[in-house]
């Protein structure tokens, strides 16, 4: 019994250690978007073999759209953040409270 377990462990270890063992990255592509009233955001991403490229966006409460374009590889995560539109805030006057 012990020999069978040891042999199985060695085979699993060899399979993981071999190039292309259990860590075979597959190409993928996905995207989604949510648009529900004032909630509006989304993302798209694709990757293959450890390289990833994508972007996401969100409509901010101040009226602007924030967009992040990114890519990642063995050297790390790299992002560029941009804003579209002009921020607007409500003006507050004197309060006629209670």
N, C-alpha and C. Protein backbone atom coordinates (compact mmCIF):
# COMPACT_ATOMS: atom_id res chain seq x y z
N UNK A 1 0.83 -1.19 0.00
CA UNK A 1 0.00 0.00 0.00
C UNK A 1 0.87 1.25 0.00
N UNK A 2 1.87 1.28 0.89
CA UNK A 2 2.74 2.43 0.97
C UNK A 2 3.47 2.66 -0.34
N UNK A 3 3.92 1.59 -0.99
CA UNK A 3 4.62 1.71 -2.28
C UNK A 3 3.71 2.28 -3.35
N UNK A 4 2.45 1.88 -3.36
CA UNK A 4 1.50 2.39 -4.35
C UNK A 4 1.27 3.89 -4.15
N UNK A 5 1.13 4.32 -2.90
CA UNK A 5 0.92 5.74 -2.61
C UNK A 5 2.16 6.55 -2.99
N UNK A 6 3.33 6.04 -2.66
CA UNK A 6 4.57 6.71 -3.00
C UNK A 6 4.73 6.84 -4.52
N UNK A 7 4.44 5.78 -5.24
CA UNK A 7 4.53 5.80 -6.70
C UNK A 7 3.55 6.81 -7.29
N UNK A 8 2.33 6.85 -6.77
CA UNK A 8 1.34 7.82 -7.24
C UNK A 8 1.80 9.24 -6.99
N UNK A 9 2.36 9.51 -5.81
CA UNK A 9 2.87 10.85 -5.49
C UNK A 9 4.00 11.25 -6.43
N UNK A 10 4.89 10.32 -6.73
CA UNK A 10 5.99 10.61 -7.65
C UNK A 10 5.47 10.92 -9.05
N UNK A 11 4.47 10.18 -9.51
CA UNK A 11 3.91 10.43 -10.84
C UNK A 11 3.23 11.80 -10.91
N UNK A 12 2.50 12.16 -9.87
CA UNK A 12 1.83 13.47 -9.85
C UNK A 12 2.87 14.58 -9.83
N UNK A 13 3.91 14.43 -9.01
CA UNK A 13 4.98 15.42 -8.94
C UNK A 13 5.68 15.57 -10.29
N UNK A 14 5.95 14.49 -10.95
CA UNK A 14 6.60 14.55 -12.27
C UNK A 14 5.69 15.22 -13.29
N UNK A 15 4.41 14.95 -13.23
CA UNK A 15 3.47 15.58 -14.17
C UNK A 15 3.39 17.08 -13.98
N UNK A 16 3.43 17.54 -12.74
CA UNK A 16 3.38 18.97 -12.48
C UNK A 16 4.69 19.63 -12.87
N UNK A 17 5.82 18.95 -12.65
CA UNK A 17 7.13 19.53 -12.92
C UNK A 17 7.45 19.59 -14.41
N UNK A 18 6.85 18.75 -15.21
CA UNK A 18 7.15 18.75 -16.64
C UNK A 18 6.63 20.02 -17.31
N UNK A 19 7.36 20.53 -18.30
CA UNK A 19 6.84 21.69 -19.03
C UNK A 19 5.50 21.34 -19.65
N UNK A 20 4.55 22.23 -19.49
CA UNK A 20 3.22 21.98 -20.01
C UNK A 20 2.44 21.00 -19.18
N UNK A 21 2.84 20.82 -17.89
CA UNK A 21 2.14 19.90 -17.01
C UNK A 21 0.70 20.35 -16.79
N UNK A 22 0.35 20.61 -15.55
CA UNK A 22 -1.02 21.02 -15.24
C UNK A 22 -1.24 22.51 -15.43
N UNK A 23 -0.20 23.27 -15.67
CA UNK A 23 -0.31 24.72 -15.80
C UNK A 23 -0.34 25.17 -17.25
N UNK A 24 -1.17 24.59 -18.05
CA UNK A 24 -1.27 24.96 -19.46
C UNK A 24 -2.25 26.12 -19.58
N UNK A 25 -1.75 27.35 -19.82
CA UNK A 25 -2.67 28.48 -19.96
C UNK A 25 -3.38 28.43 -21.30
N UNK A 26 -4.68 28.56 -21.26
CA UNK A 26 -5.47 28.53 -22.49
C UNK A 26 -5.87 29.93 -22.89
N UNK A 27 -5.98 30.21 -24.17
CA UNK A 27 -6.46 31.52 -24.60
C UNK A 27 -7.91 31.72 -24.14
N UNK A 28 -8.23 32.95 -23.77
CA UNK A 28 -9.60 33.26 -23.36
C UNK A 28 -9.95 34.68 -23.77
N UNK A 29 -11.23 34.96 -23.76
CA UNK A 29 -11.74 36.28 -24.10
C UNK A 29 -13.08 36.42 -23.40
N UNK A 30 -13.28 37.51 -22.68
CA UNK A 30 -14.59 37.73 -22.07
C UNK A 30 -14.89 39.22 -21.98
N UNK A 31 -16.15 39.54 -21.84
CA UNK A 31 -16.55 40.92 -21.61
C UNK A 31 -17.92 40.93 -20.94
N UNK A 32 -18.22 42.04 -20.30
CA UNK A 32 -19.53 42.21 -19.69
C UNK A 32 -19.81 43.70 -19.58
N UNK A 33 -21.05 44.03 -19.42
CA UNK A 33 -21.46 45.41 -19.22
C UNK A 33 -22.73 45.45 -18.41
N UNK A 34 -22.83 46.44 -17.54
CA UNK A 34 -24.01 46.65 -16.71
C UNK A 34 -24.51 48.07 -16.99
N UNK A 35 -25.78 48.18 -17.34
CA UNK A 35 -26.39 49.49 -17.56
C UNK A 35 -27.77 49.44 -16.93
N UNK A 36 -27.86 49.96 -15.69
CA UNK A 36 -29.11 49.91 -14.95
C UNK A 36 -29.32 51.27 -14.29
N UNK A 37 -30.02 52.13 -14.97
CA UNK A 37 -30.25 53.48 -14.43
C UNK A 37 -28.97 54.28 -14.41
N UNK A 38 -28.56 54.72 -13.22
CA UNK A 38 -27.33 55.49 -13.12
C UNK A 38 -26.10 54.60 -12.93
N UNK A 39 -26.29 53.30 -12.87
CA UNK A 39 -25.18 52.36 -12.73
C UNK A 39 -24.77 51.89 -14.12
N UNK A 40 -23.54 52.21 -14.51
CA UNK A 40 -23.07 51.88 -15.84
C UNK A 40 -21.57 51.57 -15.76
N UNK A 41 -21.20 50.31 -15.98
CA UNK A 41 -19.80 49.93 -15.97
C UNK A 41 -19.62 48.66 -16.79
N UNK A 42 -18.37 48.33 -17.12
CA UNK A 42 -18.11 47.13 -17.89
C UNK A 42 -16.64 46.83 -18.01
N UNK A 43 -16.34 45.68 -18.57
CA UNK A 43 -14.96 45.25 -18.74
C UNK A 43 -14.86 44.31 -19.92
N UNK A 44 -13.70 44.32 -20.57
CA UNK A 44 -13.37 43.32 -21.58
C UNK A 44 -11.92 42.94 -21.35
N UNK A 45 -11.61 41.65 -21.56
CA UNK A 45 -10.26 41.16 -21.35
C UNK A 45 -10.00 39.95 -22.23
N UNK A 46 -8.76 39.81 -22.65
CA UNK A 46 -8.35 38.61 -23.38
C UNK A 46 -6.94 38.25 -22.93
N UNK A 47 -6.62 36.99 -23.03
CA UNK A 47 -5.31 36.53 -22.62
C UNK A 47 -4.92 35.26 -23.33
N UNK A 48 -3.62 35.03 -23.37
CA UNK A 48 -3.10 33.79 -23.96
C UNK A 48 -1.70 33.53 -23.41
N UNK A 49 -1.51 32.44 -22.83
CA UNK A 49 -0.18 32.04 -22.38
C UNK A 49 0.48 32.97 -21.39
N UNK A 50 -0.26 33.60 -20.52
CA UNK A 50 0.36 34.45 -19.51
C UNK A 50 0.33 35.93 -19.84
N UNK A 51 -0.02 36.31 -21.05
CA UNK A 51 -0.16 37.72 -21.42
C UNK A 51 -1.64 38.08 -21.40
N UNK A 52 -1.95 39.20 -20.77
CA UNK A 52 -3.33 39.65 -20.64
C UNK A 52 -3.44 41.08 -21.11
N UNK A 53 -4.55 41.40 -21.78
CA UNK A 53 -4.80 42.76 -22.24
C UNK A 53 -6.28 43.04 -22.06
N UNK A 54 -6.61 44.24 -21.59
CA UNK A 54 -8.01 44.54 -21.41
C UNK A 54 -8.26 45.98 -20.99
N UNK A 55 -9.50 46.25 -20.68
CA UNK A 55 -9.89 47.58 -20.20
C UNK A 55 -11.19 47.45 -19.43
N UNK A 56 -11.43 48.44 -18.56
CA UNK A 56 -12.72 48.51 -17.89
C UNK A 56 -13.09 49.98 -17.73
N UNK A 57 -14.37 50.24 -17.52
CA UNK A 57 -14.84 51.61 -17.38
C UNK A 57 -15.94 51.67 -16.35
N UNK A 58 -16.13 52.88 -15.81
CA UNK A 58 -17.21 53.11 -14.87
C UNK A 58 -17.67 54.56 -15.02
N UNK A 59 -18.98 54.77 -15.03
CA UNK A 59 -19.53 56.12 -15.03
C UNK A 59 -19.54 56.61 -13.59
N UNK A 60 -18.84 57.70 -13.32
CA UNK A 60 -18.70 58.21 -11.97
C UNK A 60 -19.89 59.10 -11.61
N UNK A 61 -20.17 59.27 -10.32
CA UNK A 61 -21.29 60.11 -9.90
C UNK A 61 -21.16 61.57 -10.32
N UNK A 62 -19.94 62.05 -10.58
CA UNK A 62 -19.75 63.45 -10.98
C UNK A 62 -19.94 63.68 -12.48
N UNK A 63 -20.36 62.65 -13.21
CA UNK A 63 -20.64 62.80 -14.64
C UNK A 63 -19.54 62.35 -15.57
N UNK A 64 -18.35 62.08 -15.05
CA UNK A 64 -17.24 61.64 -15.89
C UNK A 64 -17.27 60.13 -16.08
N UNK A 65 -16.51 59.66 -17.06
CA UNK A 65 -16.30 58.22 -17.27
C UNK A 65 -14.83 57.94 -17.02
N UNK A 66 -14.55 57.03 -16.11
CA UNK A 66 -13.18 56.62 -15.85
C UNK A 66 -12.92 55.35 -16.64
N UNK A 67 -11.82 55.34 -17.40
CA UNK A 67 -11.46 54.17 -18.19
C UNK A 67 -10.04 53.75 -17.85
N UNK A 68 -9.84 52.45 -17.68
CA UNK A 68 -8.52 51.90 -17.39
C UNK A 68 -8.19 50.90 -18.49
N UNK A 69 -7.12 51.18 -19.24
CA UNK A 69 -6.58 50.24 -20.21
C UNK A 69 -5.38 49.57 -19.56
N UNK A 70 -5.26 48.26 -19.66
CA UNK A 70 -4.17 47.58 -18.99
C UNK A 70 -3.65 46.41 -19.80
N UNK A 71 -2.45 46.01 -19.46
CA UNK A 71 -1.86 44.78 -19.97
C UNK A 71 -0.96 44.24 -18.87
N UNK A 72 -0.80 42.93 -18.87
CA UNK A 72 0.05 42.28 -17.88
C UNK A 72 0.80 41.13 -18.53
N UNK A 73 2.02 40.98 -18.09
CA UNK A 73 2.85 39.87 -18.57
C UNK A 73 3.82 39.52 -17.46
N UNK A 74 4.89 38.87 -17.79
CA UNK A 74 5.86 38.47 -16.79
C UNK A 74 6.51 39.63 -16.06
N UNK A 75 6.48 40.83 -16.64
CA UNK A 75 7.09 41.99 -16.00
C UNK A 75 6.15 42.70 -15.05
N UNK A 76 4.86 42.31 -15.03
CA UNK A 76 3.92 42.91 -14.09
C UNK A 76 2.67 43.45 -14.75
N UNK A 77 1.95 44.27 -13.98
CA UNK A 77 0.68 44.87 -14.39
C UNK A 77 0.94 46.32 -14.77
N UNK A 78 0.45 46.72 -15.94
CA UNK A 78 0.67 48.08 -16.45
C UNK A 78 -0.68 48.67 -16.81
N UNK A 79 -1.01 49.83 -16.24
CA UNK A 79 -2.32 50.43 -16.46
C UNK A 79 -2.19 51.89 -16.86
N UNK A 80 -3.12 52.33 -17.70
CA UNK A 80 -3.27 53.74 -18.06
C UNK A 80 -4.69 54.14 -17.72
N UNK A 81 -4.82 55.15 -16.86
CA UNK A 81 -6.13 55.61 -16.40
C UNK A 81 -6.45 56.92 -17.09
N UNK A 82 -7.64 57.01 -17.70
CA UNK A 82 -8.09 58.24 -18.34
C UNK A 82 -9.50 58.58 -17.87
N UNK A 83 -9.84 59.86 -17.98
CA UNK A 83 -11.17 60.34 -17.62
C UNK A 83 -11.74 61.06 -18.83
N UNK A 84 -13.01 60.84 -19.10
CA UNK A 84 -13.71 61.53 -20.19
C UNK A 84 -14.81 62.37 -19.58
N UNK A 85 -14.98 63.57 -20.11
CA UNK A 85 -16.02 64.45 -19.61
C UNK A 85 -15.49 65.41 -18.58
N UNK A 86 -16.38 66.24 -18.08
CA UNK A 86 -16.04 67.24 -17.08
C UNK A 86 -16.84 66.96 -15.82
N UNK A 87 -16.16 67.04 -14.69
CA UNK A 87 -16.84 66.78 -13.42
C UNK A 87 -17.79 67.93 -13.11
N UNK A 88 -18.98 67.59 -12.69
CA UNK A 88 -19.94 68.61 -12.27
C UNK A 88 -20.50 68.22 -10.91
N UNK A 89 -20.62 69.23 -10.06
CA UNK A 89 -21.12 69.00 -8.71
C UNK A 89 -22.30 69.93 -8.49
N UNK A 90 -23.30 69.51 -7.76
CA UNK A 90 -24.44 70.39 -7.51
C UNK A 90 -24.02 71.57 -6.64
N UNK A 91 -24.61 72.71 -6.91
CA UNK A 91 -24.32 73.88 -6.08
C UNK A 91 -25.30 73.90 -4.93
N UNK A 92 -24.79 74.24 -3.78
CA UNK A 92 -25.63 74.27 -2.58
C UNK A 92 -25.81 75.71 -2.14
N UNK A 93 -27.04 76.10 -1.97
CA UNK A 93 -27.34 77.44 -1.50
C UNK A 93 -27.67 77.40 -0.03
N UNK A 94 -28.14 78.51 0.48
CA UNK A 94 -28.49 78.55 1.90
C UNK A 94 -29.61 77.56 2.19
N UNK A 95 -29.54 76.98 3.32
CA UNK A 95 -30.53 75.98 3.72
C UNK A 95 -31.73 76.67 4.34
N UNK A 96 -32.88 76.23 3.97
CA UNK A 96 -34.13 76.70 4.58
C UNK A 96 -34.66 75.55 5.41
N UNK A 97 -33.86 75.18 6.39
CA UNK A 97 -34.14 73.99 7.17
C UNK A 97 -35.33 74.09 8.07
N UNK A 98 -35.38 73.20 8.96
CA UNK A 98 -36.54 73.05 9.85
C UNK A 98 -36.44 73.99 11.03
